[in-house]
Amino acid sequence: MTARTELSAPKRRTRAEVQQLVAEFVNSGMRRSQFCQSRGLSFSTLDRHLKKRRWKRRRKPISSGGRLVPVELAARKSAAQHEPSCGLAVVLPGGRRVEVHPDFDTSTFERLVSLLERV
């Protein structure tokens, strides 16, 4: 056999090209396997850049601009005036409210925070 087969390394995509592919995937409505096969893209590359994209979106500053915001402490009521209330309440932009009661279950709270971080 005198014919010579040349093997070459696959072309390395630029960061901009991969970002474009990720944007196309997000808007395509295709399954990952279909999209990757049609574009010659590996699952790991697509997943890595999707994860980076989600991480960057979560890191965007909140409406306060990422700065500290003023907090008002409520005066402690006497036992006669005491109403059932939470131990801690946080109101997030958009009106979401997270309350933690004094006798909260820490494992449930940890699961909730973990779930919210993934969203």
Protein backbone atom coordinates (compact mmCIF):
# COMPACT_ATOMS: atom_id res chain seq x y z
CA MET A 1 0.00 0.00 0.00
CA THR A 2 1.57 3.20 -1.12
CA ALA A 3 -1.40 5.42 -0.43
CA ARG A 4 -0.79 7.43 2.66
CA THR A 5 -3.59 8.30 5.07
CA GLU A 6 -3.04 11.51 6.95
CA LEU A 7 -4.53 11.96 10.36
CA SER A 8 -4.95 15.45 11.64
CA ALA A 9 -6.01 16.77 14.99
CA PRO A 10 -9.56 18.15 15.09
CA LYS A 11 -9.84 21.89 14.60
CA ARG A 12 -9.99 23.71 17.92
CA ARG A 13 -12.93 26.11 18.16
CA THR A 14 -12.48 29.62 19.46
CA ARG A 15 -14.30 30.73 22.60
CA ALA A 16 -16.60 32.89 20.47
CA GLU A 17 -17.47 29.94 18.23
CA VAL A 18 -18.34 27.76 21.23
CA GLN A 19 -20.45 30.54 22.76
CA GLN A 20 -22.28 30.87 19.45
CA LEU A 21 -22.92 27.11 19.40
CA VAL A 22 -24.23 27.20 22.98
CA ALA A 23 -26.59 30.04 22.08
CA GLU A 24 -27.79 28.08 19.05
CA PHE A 25 -28.38 25.02 21.25
CA VAL A 26 -30.40 26.99 23.80
CA ASN A 27 -32.63 28.38 21.05
CA SER A 28 -32.82 25.18 19.00
CA GLY A 29 -35.17 23.10 21.14
CA MET A 30 -33.13 20.03 20.15
CA ARG A 31 -31.92 17.33 22.51
CA ARG A 32 -28.24 17.57 23.43
CA SER A 33 -27.38 14.38 21.56
CA GLN A 34 -29.05 15.58 18.36
CA PHE A 35 -27.47 19.02 18.54
CA CYS A 36 -23.97 17.75 19.33
CA GLN A 37 -24.08 15.17 16.56
CA SER A 38 -25.34 17.69 14.00
CA ARG A 39 -22.61 20.21 14.88
CA GLY A 40 -19.72 17.82 15.56
CA LEU A 41 -19.55 19.02 19.15
CA SER A 42 -18.76 16.80 22.14
CA PHE A 43 -21.19 16.50 25.05
CA SER A 44 -18.50 17.56 27.50
CA THR A 45 -17.77 20.79 25.63
CA LEU A 46 -21.45 21.71 25.44
CA ASP A 47 -22.06 20.83 29.10
CA ARG A 48 -19.01 22.76 30.31
CA HIS A 49 -20.09 25.91 28.50
CA LEU A 50 -23.74 25.56 29.56
CA LYS A 51 -22.55 25.33 33.16
CA LYS A 52 -20.38 28.44 32.73
CA ARG A 53 -23.36 30.28 31.22
CA ARG A 54 -25.61 29.35 34.18
CA TRP A 55 -22.88 30.34 36.65
CA LYS A 56 -22.41 33.75 35.02
CA ARG A 57 -26.16 34.42 35.11
CA ARG A 58 -26.29 33.58 38.82
CA ARG A 59 -23.34 35.86 39.52
CA LYS A 60 -25.05 38.93 38.02
CA PRO A 61 -25.51 41.61 40.66
CA ILE A 62 -28.94 41.87 42.24
CA SER A 63 -30.99 45.07 42.04
CA SER A 64 -28.95 46.64 44.85
CA GLY A 65 -25.94 46.52 42.55
CA GLY A 66 -24.23 43.90 44.71
CA ARG A 67 -23.85 46.41 47.52
CA LEU A 68 -24.92 46.03 51.11
CA VAL A 69 -28.44 47.21 51.83
CA PRO A 70 -29.77 48.80 55.00
CA VAL A 71 -31.42 46.45 57.49
CA GLU A 72 -33.88 47.43 60.18
CA LEU A 73 -33.93 45.44 63.41
CA ALA A 74 -37.28 45.04 65.11
CA ALA A 75 -37.62 45.68 68.84
CA ARG A 76 -38.11 42.54 70.94
CA LYS A 77 -41.65 42.21 72.27
CA SER A 78 -42.55 41.16 75.78
CA ALA A 79 -43.87 37.61 76.36
CA ALA A 80 -47.44 38.95 76.59
CA GLN A 81 -47.14 40.70 73.22
CA HIS A 82 -45.27 37.86 71.56
CA GLU A 83 -46.87 36.70 68.33
CA PRO A 84 -45.76 33.63 66.42
CA SER A 85 -43.20 34.88 63.97
CA CYS A 86 -40.20 33.70 62.08
CA GLY A 87 -36.67 33.88 63.40
CA LEU A 88 -35.41 35.35 60.14
CA ALA A 89 -37.12 36.71 57.04
CA VAL A 90 -35.46 37.73 53.79
CA VAL A 91 -37.40 39.47 51.01
CA LEU A 92 -35.74 38.99 47.64
CA PRO A 93 -36.11 41.14 44.52
CA GLY A 94 -39.34 40.24 42.77
CA GLY A 95 -41.22 39.82 46.06
CA ARG A 96 -39.98 36.35 47.00
CA ARG A 97 -39.80 35.88 50.75
CA VAL A 98 -37.74 33.32 52.66
CA GLU A 99 -38.60 32.76 56.32
CA VAL A 100 -36.75 30.65 58.84
CA HIS A 101 -38.54 29.96 62.12
CA PRO A 102 -36.59 29.64 65.39
CA ASP A 103 -37.21 25.87 65.50
CA PHE A 104 -36.40 25.22 61.83
CA ASP A 105 -35.03 21.90 60.60
CA THR A 106 -31.48 22.54 59.39
CA SER A 107 -31.36 19.61 56.96
CA THR A 108 -34.56 20.78 55.24
CA PHE A 109 -33.16 24.31 55.03
CA GLU A 110 -29.90 23.02 53.52
CA ARG A 111 -31.84 21.05 50.89
CA LEU A 112 -33.90 24.15 50.06
CA VAL A 113 -30.82 26.34 49.65
CA SER A 114 -29.15 23.67 47.51
CA LEU A 115 -32.23 23.47 45.28
CA LEU A 116 -32.44 27.25 44.92
CA GLU A 117 -28.76 27.47 43.96
CA ARG A 118 -29.35 25.05 41.08
CA VAL A 119 -32.19 27.13 39.61
